[in-house]
Amino acid sequence: MRQEGFGYTFDSSACAECGGRCCTGESGNIFMKRSEIQAMATYLQMDEQHFAQNYLLKKGYKYTLKEQRVGMSHDCIFYSRDAGGCLVYDVRPQQCRTFPFWDYFKNNMQELRDECPGIVDD
């Protein structure tokens, strides 16, 4: 997979062997749009308010997915180490869908290479 403006390609077949390191590690934010919140709540068969109370944190005027501590790691609330992946993959937020093509990584290539075995240099 390739995206204009990025000096690398992404081999998505590496996701199967990786175990989802992009969903674990340092604490971070996965911000969600209103439409994504609605879609995820529907997928989980719950109303938006219940979904928000259980799975979201408000940061300023935005909402981000909660994390769960596993040892020294901060895992996405929907990441399952037992299942080896995302429990809401079909409705994951756009921010997750666009990984590893984030502007941040344009200047932090080594960090991306360390995190993601699917990165292939052009």
PDB file of N, CA and C in Angstrom:
ATOM      1  N   MET A   1       0.844  -1.157   0.000  1.00  0.00           N
ATOM      2  CA  MET A   1       0.000   0.000   0.000  1.00  0.00           C
ATOM      3  C   MET A   1       0.902   1.237   0.000  1.00  0.00           C
ATOM      4  N   ARG A   2       0.527   2.199  -0.787  1.00  0.00           N
ATOM      5  CA  ARG A   2       1.319   3.410  -0.920  1.00  0.00           C
ATOM      6  C   ARG A   2       0.408   4.621  -0.793  1.00  0.00           C
ATOM      7  N   GLN A   3       0.961   5.691  -0.247  1.00  0.00           N
ATOM      8  CA  GLN A   3       0.208   6.936  -0.159  1.00  0.00           C
ATOM      9  C   GLN A   3       1.106   8.085  -0.583  1.00  0.00           C
ATOM     10  N   GLU A   4       0.574   8.945  -1.416  1.00  0.00           N
ATOM     11  CA  GLU A   4       1.324  10.091  -1.917  1.00  0.00           C
ATOM     12  C   GLU A   4       1.827  10.947  -0.754  1.00  0.00           C
ATOM     13  N   GLY A   5       3.087  11.381  -0.885  1.00  0.00           N
ATOM     14  CA  GLY A   5       3.690  12.248   0.115  1.00  0.00           C
ATOM     15  C   GLY A   5       4.462  11.511   1.193  1.00  0.00           C
ATOM     16  N   PHE A   6       4.439  10.187   1.150  1.00  0.00           N
ATOM     17  CA  PHE A   6       5.155   9.380   2.134  1.00  0.00           C
ATOM     18  C   PHE A   6       6.263   8.604   1.444  1.00  0.00           C
ATOM     19  N   GLY A   7       7.431   8.543   2.067  1.00  0.00           N
ATOM     20  CA  GLY A   7       8.596   7.902   1.471  1.00  0.00           C
ATOM     21  C   GLY A   7       8.717   6.429   1.793  1.00  0.00           C
ATOM     22  N   TYR A   8       7.600   5.775   2.003  1.00  0.00           N
ATOM     23  CA  TYR A   8       7.605   4.352   2.307  1.00  0.00           C
ATOM     24  C   TYR A   8       6.289   3.747   1.840  1.00  0.00           C
ATOM     25  N   THR A   9       6.274   2.444   1.760  1.00  0.00           N
ATOM     26  CA  THR A   9       5.043   1.719   1.480  1.00  0.00           C
ATOM     27  C   THR A   9       4.735   0.845   2.698  1.00  0.00           C
ATOM     28  N   PHE A  10       3.536   0.320   2.721  1.00  0.00           N
ATOM     29  CA  PHE A  10       3.086  -0.488   3.839  1.00  0.00           C
ATOM     30  C   PHE A  10       2.592  -1.826   3.327  1.00  0.00           C
ATOM     31  N   ASP A  11       3.164  -2.896   3.858  1.00  0.00           N
ATOM     32  CA  ASP A  11       2.755  -4.248   3.526  1.00  0.00           C
ATOM     33  C   ASP A  11       1.793  -4.716   4.618  1.00  0.00           C
ATOM     34  N   SER A  12       0.498  -4.641   4.338  1.00  0.00           N
ATOM     35  CA  SER A  12      -0.509  -4.950   5.358  1.00  0.00           C
ATOM     36  C   SER A  12      -0.510  -6.418   5.776  1.00  0.00           C
ATOM     37  N   SER A  13       0.133  -7.290   5.005  1.00  0.00           N
ATOM     38  CA  SER A  13       0.202  -8.699   5.415  1.00  0.00           C
ATOM     39  C   SER A  13       1.043  -8.867   6.678  1.00  0.00           C
ATOM     40  N   ALA A  14       1.864  -7.871   7.004  1.00  0.00           N
ATOM     41  CA  ALA A  14       2.689  -7.931   8.214  1.00  0.00           C
ATOM     42  C   ALA A  14       1.845  -7.818   9.479  1.00  0.00           C
ATOM     43  N   CYS A  15       0.627  -7.320   9.368  1.00  0.00           N
ATOM     44  CA  CYS A  15      -0.244  -7.167  10.544  1.00  0.00           C
ATOM     45  C   CYS A  15      -0.488  -8.514  11.228  1.00  0.00           C
ATOM     46  N   ALA A  16      -0.605  -9.577  10.449  1.00  0.00           N
ATOM     47  CA  ALA A  16      -0.883 -10.900  11.012  1.00  0.00           C
ATOM     48  C   ALA A  16       0.252 -11.386  11.905  1.00  0.00           C
ATOM     49  N   GLU A  17       1.482 -11.069  11.553  1.00  0.00           N
ATOM     50  CA  GLU A  17       2.629 -11.529  12.346  1.00  0.00           C
ATOM     51  C   GLU A  17       2.986 -10.583  13.481  1.00  0.00           C
ATOM     52  N   CYS A  18       2.554  -9.350  13.401  1.00  0.00           N
ATOM     53  CA  CYS A  18       2.956  -8.310  14.348  1.00  0.00           C
ATOM     54  C   CYS A  18       2.280  -8.427  15.697  1.00  0.00           C
ATOM     55  N   GLY A  19       1.015  -8.761  15.719  1.00  0.00           N
ATOM     56  CA  GLY A  19       0.282  -8.815  16.972  1.00  0.00           C
ATOM     57  C   GLY A  19      -0.284  -7.478  17.398  1.00  0.00           C
ATOM     58  N   GLY A  20      -0.302  -6.507  16.513  1.00  0.00           N
ATOM     59  CA  GLY A  20      -0.959  -5.238  16.804  1.00  0.00           C
ATOM     60  C   GLY A  20      -0.181  -4.255  17.648  1.00  0.00           C
ATOM     61  N   ARG A  21       1.119  -4.177  17.446  1.00  0.00           N
ATOM     62  CA  ARG A  21       1.923  -3.235  18.236  1.00  0.00           C
ATOM     63  C   ARG A  21       1.454  -1.799  18.059  1.00  0.00           C
ATOM     64  N   CYS A  22       0.817  -1.470  16.950  1.00  0.00           N
ATOM     65  CA  CYS A  22       0.331  -0.104  16.747  1.00  0.00           C
ATOM     66  C   CYS A  22      -0.825   0.226  17.693  1.00  0.00           C
ATOM     67  N   CYS A  23      -1.405  -0.776  18.322  1.00  0.00           N
ATOM     68  CA  CYS A  23      -2.526  -0.577  19.254  1.00  0.00           C
ATOM     69  C   CYS A  23      -2.078  -0.625  20.713  1.00  0.00           C
ATOM     70  N   THR A  24      -0.784  -0.762  20.925  1.00  0.00           N
ATOM     71  CA  THR A  24      -0.227  -0.891  22.267  1.00  0.00           C
ATOM     72  C   THR A  24       0.988   0.016  22.408  1.00  0.00           C
ATOM     73  N   GLY A  25       1.520   0.075  23.607  1.00  0.00           N
ATOM     74  CA  GLY A  25       2.763   0.821  23.819  1.00  0.00           C
ATOM     75  C   GLY A  25       2.553   2.091  24.608  1.00  0.00           C
ATOM     76  N   GLU A  26       3.103   3.172  24.088  1.00  0.00           N
ATOM     77  CA  GLU A  26       2.995   4.463  24.775  1.00  0.00           C
ATOM     78  C   GLU A  26       1.553   4.944  24.775  1.00  0.00           C
ATOM     79  N   SER A  27       1.230   5.729  25.774  1.00  0.00           N
ATOM     80  CA  SER A  27      -0.101   6.323  25.839  1.00  0.00           C
ATOM     81  C   SER A  27      -0.275   7.293  24.677  1.00  0.00           C
ATOM     82  N   GLY A  28      -1.476   7.355  24.161  1.00  0.00           N
ATOM     83  CA  GLY A  28      -1.761   8.257  23.042  1.00  0.00           C
ATOM     84  C   GLY A  28      -3.248   8.500  22.934  1.00  0.00           C
ATOM     85  N   ASN A  29      -3.635   9.149  21.877  1.00  0.00           N
ATOM     86  CA  ASN A  29      -5.044   9.468  21.649  1.00  0.00           C
ATOM     87  C   ASN A  29      -5.504   8.934  20.307  1.00  0.00           C
ATOM     88  N   ILE A  30      -6.667   8.330  20.318  1.00  0.00           N
ATOM     89  CA  ILE A  30      -7.359   7.968  19.086  1.00  0.00           C
ATOM     90  C   ILE A  30      -8.658   8.760  19.112  1.00  0.00           C
ATOM     91  N   PHE A  31      -8.627   9.915  18.457  1.00  0.00           N
ATOM     92  CA  PHE A  31      -9.780  10.797  18.456  1.00  0.00           C
ATOM     93  C   PHE A  31     -10.849  10.275  17.507  1.00  0.00           C
ATOM     94  N   MET A  32     -12.097  10.443  17.920  1.00  0.00           N
ATOM     95  CA  MET A  32     -13.221   9.928  17.152  1.00  0.00           C
ATOM     96  C   MET A  32     -14.183  11.032  16.767  1.00  0.00           C
ATOM     97  N   LYS A  33     -14.658  10.948  15.535  1.00  0.00           N
ATOM     98  CA  LYS A  33     -15.703  11.849  15.052  1.00  0.00           C
ATOM     99  C   LYS A  33     -17.052  11.328  15.539  1.00  0.00           C
ATOM    100  N   ARG A  34     -18.025  12.201  15.528  1.00  0.00           N
ATOM    101  CA  ARG A  34     -19.378  11.829  15.976  1.00  0.00           C
ATOM    102  C   ARG A  34     -19.907  10.629  15.193  1.00  0.00           C
ATOM    103  N   SER A  35     -19.698  10.621  13.889  1.00  0.00           N
ATOM    104  CA  SER A  35     -20.190   9.514  13.065  1.00  0.00           C
ATOM    105  C   SER A  35     -19.503   8.197  13.428  1.00  0.00           C
ATOM    106  N   GLU A  36     -18.250   8.266  13.838  1.00  0.00           N
ATOM    107  CA  GLU A  36     -17.521   7.056  14.241  1.00  0.00           C
ATOM    108  C   GLU A  36     -18.044   6.543  15.584  1.00  0.00           C
ATOM    109  N   ILE A  37     -18.350   7.463  16.477  1.00  0.00           N
ATOM    110  CA  ILE A  37     -18.923   7.087  17.770  1.00  0.00           C
ATOM    111  C   ILE A  37     -20.266   6.390  17.554  1.00  0.00           C
ATOM    112  N   GLN A  38     -21.094   6.967  16.687  1.00  0.00           N
ATOM    113  CA  GLN A  38     -22.397   6.374  16.386  1.00  0.00           C
ATOM    114  C   GLN A  38     -22.240   4.976  15.790  1.00  0.00           C
ATOM    115  N   ALA A  39     -21.329   4.842  14.844  1.00  0.00           N
ATOM    116  CA  ALA A  39     -21.122   3.551  14.183  1.00  0.00           C
ATOM    117  C   ALA A  39     -20.625   2.492  15.167  1.00  0.00           C
ATOM    118  N   MET A  40     -19.700   2.872  16.033  1.00  0.00           N
ATOM    119  CA  MET A  40     -19.150   1.914  16.982  1.00  0.00           C
ATOM    120  C   MET A  40     -20.201   1.522  18.024  1.00  0.00           C
ATOM    121  N   ALA A  41     -20.985   2.477  18.493  1.00  0.00           N
ATOM    122  CA  ALA A  41     -22.047   2.173  19.450  1.00  0.00           C
ATOM    123  C   ALA A  41     -23.063   1.210  18.825  1.00  0.00           C
ATOM    124  N   THR A  42     -23.427   1.466  17.597  1.00  0.00           N
ATOM    125  CA  THR A  42     -24.363   0.585  16.895  1.00  0.00           C
ATOM    126  C   THR A  42     -23.765  -0.806  16.746  1.00  0.00           C
ATOM    127  N   TYR A  43     -22.515  -0.884  16.353  1.00  0.00           N
ATOM    128  CA  TYR A  43     -21.820  -2.160  16.177  1.00  0.00           C
ATOM    129  C   TYR A  43     -21.828  -2.964  17.479  1.00  0.00           C
ATOM    130  N   LEU A  44     -21.660  -2.261  18.601  1.00  0.00           N
ATOM    131  CA  LEU A  44     -21.627  -2.908  19.918  1.00  0.00           C
ATOM    132  C   LEU A  44     -23.022  -3.043  20.539  1.00  0.00           C
ATOM    133  N   GLN A  45     -24.034  -2.637  19.795  1.00  0.00           N
ATOM    134  CA  GLN A  45     -25.433  -2.742  20.208  1.00  0.00           C
ATOM    135  C   GLN A  45     -25.689  -2.044  21.548  1.00  0.00           C
ATOM    136  N   MET A  46     -25.251  -0.770  21.605  1.00  0.00           N
ATOM    137  CA  MET A  46     -25.508   0.032  22.799  1.00  0.00           C
ATOM    138  C   MET A  46     -25.798   1.458  22.379  1.00  0.00           C
ATOM    139  N   ASP A  47     -26.435   2.200  23.265  1.00  0.00           N
ATOM    140  CA  ASP A  47     -26.704   3.585  22.920  1.00  0.00           C
ATOM    141  C   ASP A  47     -25.413   4.401  23.076  1.00  0.00           C
ATOM    142  N   GLU A  48     -25.394   5.539  22.428  1.00  0.00           N
ATOM    143  CA  GLU A  48     -24.174   6.366  22.403  1.00  0.00           C
ATOM    144  C   GLU A  48     -23.732   6.813  23.790  1.00  0.00           C
ATOM    145  N   GLN A  49     -24.680   7.145  24.638  1.00  0.00           N
ATOM    146  CA  GLN A  49     -24.326   7.616  25.982  1.00  0.00           C
ATOM    147  C   GLN A  49     -23.621   6.506  26.769  1.00  0.00           C
ATOM    148  N   HIS A  50     -24.143   5.309  26.717  1.00  0.00           N
ATOM    149  CA  HIS A  50     -23.524   4.173  27.404  1.00  0.00           C
ATOM    150  C   HIS A  50     -22.143   3.893  26.809  1.00  0.00           C
ATOM    151  N   PHE A  51     -22.049   3.938  25.484  1.00  0.00           N
ATOM    152  CA  PHE A  51     -20.763   3.743  24.823  1.00  0.00           C
ATOM    153  C   PHE A  51     -19.757   4.788  25.296  1.00  0.00           C
ATOM    154  N   ALA A  52     -20.154   6.042  25.297  1.00  0.00           N
ATOM    155  CA  ALA A  52     -19.259   7.130  25.696  1.00  0.00           C
ATOM    156  C   ALA A  52     -18.794   6.973  27.142  1.00  0.00           C
ATOM    157  N   GLN A  53     -19.698   6.618  28.030  1.00  0.00           N
ATOM    158  CA  GLN A  53     -19.345   6.452  29.443  1.00  0.00           C
ATOM    159  C   GLN A  53     -18.335   5.329  29.642  1.00  0.00           C
ATOM    160  N   ASN A  54     -18.432   4.284  28.852  1.00  0.00           N
ATOM    161  CA  ASN A  54     -17.587   3.111  29.041  1.00  0.00           C
ATOM    162  C   ASN A  54     -16.289   3.124  28.251  1.00  0.00           C
ATOM    163  N   TYR A  55     -16.272   3.804  27.098  1.00  0.00           N
ATOM    164  CA  TYR A  55     -15.134   3.652  26.195  1.00  0.00           C
ATOM    165  C   TYR A  55     -14.435   4.939  25.779  1.00  0.00           C
ATOM    166  N   LEU A  56     -14.980   6.091  26.161  1.00  0.00           N
ATOM    167  CA  LEU A  56     -14.394   7.350  25.701  1.00  0.00           C
ATOM    168  C   LEU A  56     -13.950   8.235  26.855  1.00  0.00           C
ATOM    169  N   LEU A  57     -12.943   9.059  26.580  1.00  0.00           N
ATOM    170  CA  LEU A  57     -12.514  10.130  27.467  1.00  0.00           C
ATOM    171  C   LEU A  57     -12.673  11.437  26.711  1.00  0.00           C
ATOM    172  N   LYS A  58     -13.105  12.463  27.405  1.00  0.00           N
ATOM    173  CA  LYS A  58     -13.214  13.771  26.769  1.00  0.00           C
ATOM    174  C   LYS A  58     -11.915  14.530  27.003  1.00  0.00           C
ATOM    175  N   LYS A  59     -11.318  14.998  25.922  1.00  0.00           N
ATOM    176  CA  LYS A  59     -10.088  15.785  25.982  1.00  0.00           C
ATOM    177  C   LYS A  59     -10.371  17.099  25.267  1.00  0.00           C
ATOM    178  N   GLY A  60     -10.568  18.146  26.050  1.00  0.00           N
ATOM    179  CA  GLY A  60     -10.973  19.414  25.454  1.00  0.00           C
ATOM    180  C   GLY A  60     -12.352  19.263  24.859  1.00  0.00           C
ATOM    181  N   TYR A  61     -12.461  19.533  23.575  1.00  0.00           N
ATOM    182  CA  TYR A  61     -13.746  19.397  22.891  1.00  0.00           C
ATOM    183  C   TYR A  61     -13.821  18.116  22.064  1.00  0.00           C
ATOM    184  N   LYS A  62     -12.833  17.240  22.203  1.00  0.00           N
ATOM    185  CA  LYS A  62     -12.781  15.993  21.431  1.00  0.00           C
ATOM    186  C   LYS A  62     -12.967  14.784  22.342  1.00  0.00           C
ATOM    187  N   TYR A  63     -13.257  13.657  21.719  1.00  0.00           N
ATOM    188  CA  TYR A  63     -13.352  12.384  22.432  1.00  0.00           C
ATOM    189  C   TYR A  63     -12.292  11.434  21.898  1.00  0.00           C
ATOM    190  N   THR A  64     -11.639  10.733  22.825  1.00  0.00           N
ATOM    191  CA  THR A  64     -10.631   9.747  22.465  1.00  0.00           C
ATOM    192  C   THR A  64     -10.987   8.416  23.118  1.00  0.00           C
ATOM    193  N   LEU A  65     -10.570   7.335  22.502  1.00  0.00           N
ATOM    194  CA  LEU A  65     -10.800   6.021  23.095  1.00  0.00           C
ATOM    195  C   LEU A  65      -9.978   5.877  24.371  1.00  0.00           C
ATOM    196  N   LYS A  66     -10.545   5.202  25.336  1.00  0.00           N
ATOM    197  CA  LYS A  66      -9.817   4.914  26.576  1.00  0.00           C
ATOM    198  C   LYS A  66      -8.723   3.898  26.297  1.00  0.00           C
ATOM    199  N   GLU A  67      -7.802   3.830  27.242  1.00  0.00           N
ATOM    200  CA  GLU A  67      -6.734   2.835  27.188  1.00  0.00           C
ATOM    201  C   GLU A  67      -6.839   1.951  28.423  1.00  0.00           C
ATOM    202  N   GLN A  68      -6.214   0.785  28.327  1.00  0.00           N
ATOM    203  CA  GLN A  68      -6.115  -0.102  29.484  1.00  0.00           C
ATOM    204  C   GLN A  68      -4.641  -0.403  29.717  1.00  0.00           C
ATOM    205  N   ARG A  69      -4.234  -0.383  30.963  1.00  0.00           N
ATOM    206  CA  ARG A  69      -2.834  -0.673  31.307  1.00  0.00           C
ATOM    207  C   ARG A  69      -2.624  -2.175  31.328  1.00  0.00           C
ATOM    208  N   VAL A  70      -1.600  -2.613  30.623  1.00  0.00           N
ATOM    209  CA  VAL A  70      -1.181  -4.006  30.629  1.00  0.00           C
ATOM    210  C   VAL A  70       0.318  -3.968  30.881  1.00  0.00           C
ATOM    211  N   GLY A  71       0.717  -4.225  32.111  1.00  0.00           N
ATOM    212  CA  GLY A  71       2.119  -4.076  32.479  1.00  0.00           C
ATOM    213  C   GLY A  71       2.530  -2.626  32.310  1.00  0.00           C
ATOM    214  N   MET A  72       3.552  -2.394  31.503  1.00  0.00           N
ATOM    215  CA  MET A  72       4.020  -1.032  31.232  1.00  0.00           C
ATOM    216  C   MET A  72       3.372  -0.434  29.987  1.00  0.00           C
ATOM    217  N   SER A  73       2.512  -1.196  29.340  1.00  0.00           N
ATOM    218  CA  SER A  73       1.898  -0.769  28.080  1.00  0.00           C
ATOM    219  C   SER A  73       0.540  -0.110  28.293  1.00  0.00           C
ATOM    220  N   HIS A  74       0.203   0.762  27.373  1.00  0.00           N
ATOM    221  CA  HIS A  74      -1.133   1.361  27.297  1.00  0.00           C
ATOM    222  C   HIS A  74      -1.795   0.797  26.043  1.00  0.00           C
ATOM    223  N   ASP A  75      -2.706  -0.116  26.209  1.00  0.00           N
ATOM    224  CA  ASP A  75      -3.382  -0.750  25.079  1.00  0.00           C
ATOM    225  C   ASP A  75      -4.709  -0.043  24.813  1.00  0.00           C
ATOM    226  N   CYS A  76      -5.069   0.056  23.550  1.00  0.00           N
ATOM    227  CA  CYS A  76      -6.392   0.548  23.193  1.00  0.00           C
ATOM    228  C   CYS A  76      -7.433  -0.316  23.904  1.00  0.00           C
ATOM    229  N   ILE A  77      -8.492   0.291  24.364  1.00  0.00           N
ATOM    230  CA  ILE A  77      -9.550  -0.413  25.084  1.00  0.00           C
ATOM    231  C   ILE A  77     -10.150  -1.543  24.249  1.00  0.00           C
ATOM    232  N   PHE A  78     -10.052  -1.441  22.932  1.00  0.00           N
ATOM    233  CA  PHE A  78     -10.615  -2.466  22.065  1.00  0.00           C
ATOM    234  C   PHE A  78      -9.575  -3.436  21.509  1.00  0.00           C
ATOM    235  N   TYR A  79      -8.362  -3.343  21.984  1.00  0.00           N
ATOM    236  CA  TYR A  79      -7.332  -4.281  21.549  1.00  0.00           C
ATOM    237  C   TYR A  79      -7.333  -5.487  22.479  1.00  0.00           C
ATOM    238  N   SER A  80      -7.333  -6.664  21.913  1.00  0.00           N
ATOM    239  CA  SER A  80      -7.301  -7.895  22.695  1.00  0.00           C
ATOM    240  C   SER A  80      -5.999  -8.631  22.430  1.00  0.00           C
ATOM    241  N   ARG A  81      -5.193  -8.780  23.445  1.00  0.00           N
ATOM    242  CA  ARG A  81      -3.960  -9.559  23.303  1.00  0.00           C
ATOM    243  C   ARG A  81      -4.291 -11.030  23.064  1.00  0.00           C
ATOM    244  N   ASP A  82      -5.355 -11.521  23.682  1.00  0.00           N
ATOM    245  CA  ASP A  82      -5.749 -12.919  23.492  1.00  0.00           C
ATOM    246  C   ASP A  82      -6.177 -13.180  22.055  1.00  0.00           C
ATOM    247  N   ALA A  83      -6.964 -12.264  21.505  1.00  0.00           N
ATOM    248  CA  ALA A  83      -7.437 -12.414  20.125  1.00  0.00           C
ATOM    249  C   ALA A  83      -6.378 -11.965  19.120  1.00  0.00           C
ATOM    250  N   GLY A  84      -5.394 -11.203  19.591  1.00  0.00           N
ATOM    251  CA  GLY A  84      -4.331 -10.732  18.703  1.00  0.00           C
ATOM    252  C   GLY A  84      -4.777  -9.646  17.755  1.00  0.00           C
ATOM    253  N   GLY A  85      -5.704  -8.816  18.201  1.00  0.00           N
ATOM    254  CA  GLY A  85      -6.141  -7.753  17.308  1.00  0.00           C
ATOM    255  C   GLY A  85      -7.283  -6.930  17.874  1.00  0.00           C
ATOM    256  N   CYS A  86      -7.866  -6.172  16.982  1.00  0.00           N
ATOM    257  CA  CYS A  86      -8.914  -5.218  17.318  1.00  0.00           C
ATOM    258  C   CYS A  86     -10.276  -5.906  17.366  1.00  0.00           C
ATOM    259  N   LEU A  87     -10.998  -5.657  18.445  1.00  0.00           N
ATOM    260  CA  LEU A  87     -12.320  -6.255  18.612  1.00  0.00           C
ATOM    261  C   LEU A  87     -13.406  -5.524  17.832  1.00  0.00           C
ATOM    262  N   VAL A  88     -13.085  -4.331  17.336  1.00  0.00           N
ATOM    263  CA  VAL A  88     -14.055  -3.540  16.564  1.00  0.00           C
ATOM    264  C   VAL A  88     -13.459  -3.153  15.204  1.00  0.00           C
ATOM    265  N   TYR A  89     -12.667  -4.042  14.659  1.00  0.00           N
ATOM    266  CA  TYR A  89     -11.905  -3.761  13.440  1.00  0.00           C
ATOM    267  C   TYR A  89     -12.776  -3.219  12.310  1.00  0.00           C
ATOM    268  N   ASP A  90     -13.940  -3.778  12.128  1.00  0.00           N
ATOM    269  CA  ASP A  90     -14.803  -3.371  11.012  1.00  0.00           C
ATOM    270  C   ASP A  90     -15.287  -1.932  11.119  1.00  0.00           C
ATOM    271  N   VAL A  91     -15.311  -1.383  12.330  1.00  0.00           N
ATOM    272  CA  VAL A  91     -15.780  -0.010  12.534  1.00  0.00           C
ATOM    273  C   VAL A  91     -14.721   0.844  13.230  1.00  0.00           C
ATOM    274  N   ARG A  92     -13.466   0.459  13.112  1.00  0.00           N
ATOM    275  CA  ARG A  92     -12.393   1.222  13.770  1.00  0.00           C
ATOM    276  C   ARG A  92     -12.360   2.645  13.218  1.00  0.00           C
ATOM    277  N   PRO A  93     -11.908   3.590  14.044  1.00  0.00           N
ATOM    278  CA  PRO A  93     -11.891   4.997  13.625  1.00  0.00           C
ATOM    279  C   PRO A  93     -10.951   5.255  12.440  1.00  0.00           C
ATOM    280  N   GLN A  94     -11.198   6.344  11.756  1.00  0.00           N
ATOM    281  CA  GLN A  94     -10.383   6.739  10.604  1.00  0.00           C
ATOM    282  C   GLN A  94      -8.901   6.844  10.982  1.00  0.00           C
ATOM    283  N   GLN A  95      -8.637   7.337  12.173  1.00  0.00           N
ATOM    284  CA  GLN A  95      -7.245   7.466  12.614  1.00  0.00           C
ATOM    285  C   GLN A  95      -6.552   6.107  12.604  1.00  0.00           C
ATOM    286  N   CYS A  96      -7.247   5.064  12.989  1.00  0.00           N
ATOM    287  CA  CYS A  96      -6.681   3.716  12.955  1.00  0.00           C
ATOM    288  C   CYS A  96      -6.559   3.214  11.518  1.00  0.00           C
ATOM    289  N   ARG A  97      -7.554   3.523  10.705  1.00  0.00           N
ATOM    290  CA  ARG A  97      -7.558   3.063   9.313  1.00  0.00           C
ATOM    291  C   ARG A  97      -6.397   3.649   8.502  1.00  0.00           C
ATOM    292  N   THR A  98      -5.964   4.843   8.870  1.00  0.00           N
ATOM    293  CA  THR A  98      -4.914   5.501   8.089  1.00  0.00           C
ATOM    294  C   THR A  98      -3.501   5.171   8.568  1.00  0.00           C
ATOM    295  N   PHE A  99      -3.366   4.471   9.701  1.00  0.00           N
ATOM    296  CA  PHE A  99      -2.038   4.068  10.149  1.00  0.00           C
ATOM    297  C   PHE A  99      -1.418   3.154   9.105  1.00  0.00           C
ATOM    298  N   PRO A 100      -0.177   3.294   8.754  1.00  0.00           N
ATOM    299  CA  PRO A 100       0.906   4.118   9.297  1.00  0.00           C
ATOM    300  C   PRO A 100       1.132   5.434   8.549  1.00  0.00           C
ATOM    301  N   PHE A 101       0.154   5.855   7.776  1.00  0.00           N
ATOM    302  CA  PHE A 101       0.326   7.082   6.995  1.00  0.00           C
ATOM    303  C   PHE A 101      -0.160   8.301   7.783  1.00  0.00           C
ATOM    304  N   TRP A 102       0.566   8.578   8.858  1.00  0.00           N
ATOM    305  CA  TRP A 102       0.313   9.760   9.689  1.00  0.00           C
ATOM    306  C   TRP A 102       1.430  10.752   9.449  1.00  0.00           C
ATOM    307  N   ASP A 103       1.102  12.024   9.358  1.00  0.00           N
ATOM    308  CA  ASP A 103       2.104  13.070   9.142  1.00  0.00           C
ATOM    309  C   ASP A 103       3.227  13.003  10.168  1.00  0.00           C
ATOM    310  N   TYR A 104       2.909  12.644  11.391  1.00  0.00           N
ATOM    311  CA  TYR A 104       3.911  12.540  12.459  1.00  0.00           C
ATOM    312  C   TYR A 104       5.097  11.676  12.030  1.00  0.00           C
ATOM    313  N   PHE A 105       4.822  10.588  11.328  1.00  0.00           N
ATOM    314  CA  PHE A 105       5.879   9.647  10.972  1.00  0.00           C
ATOM    315  C   PHE A 105       6.774  10.131   9.840  1.00  0.00           C
ATOM    316  N   LYS A 106       6.376  11.174   9.135  1.00  0.00           N
ATOM    317  CA  LYS A 106       7.240  11.721   8.094  1.00  0.00           C
ATOM    318  C   LYS A 106       8.579  12.164   8.677  1.00  0.00           C
ATOM    319  N   ASN A 107       8.566  12.625   9.927  1.00  0.00           N
ATOM    320  CA  ASN A 107       9.788  13.078  10.589  1.00  0.00           C
ATOM    321  C   ASN A 107      10.251  12.136  11.687  1.00  0.00           C
ATOM    322  N   ASN A 108       9.617  10.996  11.794  1.00  0.00           N
ATOM    323  CA  ASN A 108       9.958  10.029  12.844  1.00  0.00           C
ATOM    324  C   ASN A 108       9.983   8.612  12.276  1.00  0.00           C
ATOM    325  N   MET A 109      10.726   8.458  11.200  1.00  0.00           N
ATOM    326  CA  MET A 109      10.759   7.182  10.486  1.00  0.00           C
ATOM    327  C   MET A 109      11.309   6.038  11.329  1.00  0.00           C
ATOM    328  N   GLN A 110      12.334   6.292  12.114  1.00  0.00           N
ATOM    329  CA  GLN A 110      12.914   5.204  12.908  1.00  0.00           C
ATOM    330  C   GLN A 110      11.903   4.680  13.921  1.00  0.00           C
ATOM    331  N   GLU A 111      11.166   5.578  14.524  1.00  0.00           N
ATOM    332  CA  GLU A 111      10.120   5.166  15.470  1.00  0.00           C
ATOM    333  C   GLU A 111       9.097   4.283  14.765  1.00  0.00           C
ATOM    334  N   LEU A 112       8.704   4.662  13.562  1.00  0.00           N
ATOM    335  CA  LEU A 112       7.741   3.871  12.801  1.00  0.00           C
ATOM    336  C   LEU A 112       8.316   2.511  12.447  1.00  0.00           C
ATOM    337  N   ARG A 113       9.553   2.465  11.986  1.00  0.00           N
ATOM    338  CA  ARG A 113      10.195   1.182  11.645  1.00  0.00           C
ATOM    339  C   ARG A 113      10.263   0.261  12.865  1.00  0.00           C
ATOM    340  N   ASP A 114      10.562   0.842  14.029  1.00  0.00           N
ATOM    341  CA  ASP A 114      10.646   0.050  15.256  1.00  0.00           C
ATOM    342  C   ASP A 114       9.279  -0.506  15.650  1.00  0.00           C
ATOM    343  N   GLU A 115       8.230   0.218  15.348  1.00  0.00           N
ATOM    344  CA  GLU A 115       6.881  -0.157  15.744  1.00  0.00           C
ATOM    345  C   GLU A 115       6.210  -1.097  14.748  1.00  0.00           C
ATOM    346  N   CYS A 116       6.473  -0.893  13.477  1.00  0.00           N
ATOM    347  CA  CYS A 116       5.672  -1.567  12.450  1.00  0.00           C
ATOM    348  C   CYS A 116       6.545  -2.371  11.480  1.00  0.00           C
ATOM    349  N   PRO A 117       6.419  -3.718  11.508  1.00  0.00           N
ATOM    350  CA  PRO A 117       7.200  -4.553  10.590  1.00  0.00           C
ATOM    351  C   PRO A 117       6.719  -4.484   9.136  1.00  0.00           C
ATOM    352  N   GLY A 118       5.622  -3.796   8.890  1.00  0.00           N
ATOM    353  CA  GLY A 118       5.080  -3.709   7.536  1.00  0.00           C
ATOM    354  C   GLY A 118       5.628  -2.552   6.722  1.00  0.00           C
ATOM    355  N   ILE A 119       6.540  -1.769   7.311  1.00  0.00           N
ATOM    356  CA  ILE A 119       7.095  -0.618   6.610  1.00  0.00           C
ATOM    357  C   ILE A 119       8.181  -1.079   5.638  1.00  0.00           C
ATOM    358  N   VAL A 120       8.037  -0.651   4.394  1.00  0.00           N
ATOM    359  CA  VAL A 120       9.002  -0.986   3.351  1.00  0.00           C
ATOM    360  C   VAL A 120       9.503   0.331   2.768  1.00  0.00           C
ATOM    361  N   ASP A 121      10.807   0.557   2.852  1.00  0.00           N
ATOM    362  CA  ASP A 121      11.381   1.794   2.310  1.00  0.00           C
ATOM    363  C   ASP A 121      11.310   1.776   0.789  1.00  0.00           C
ATOM    364  N   ASP A 122      11.018   2.933   0.231  1.00  0.00           N
ATOM    365  CA  ASP A 122      11.012   3.074  -1.239  1.00  0.00           C
ATOM    366  C   ASP A 122      12.432   3.196  -1.766  1.00  0.00           C
TER     367      ASP A 122
END
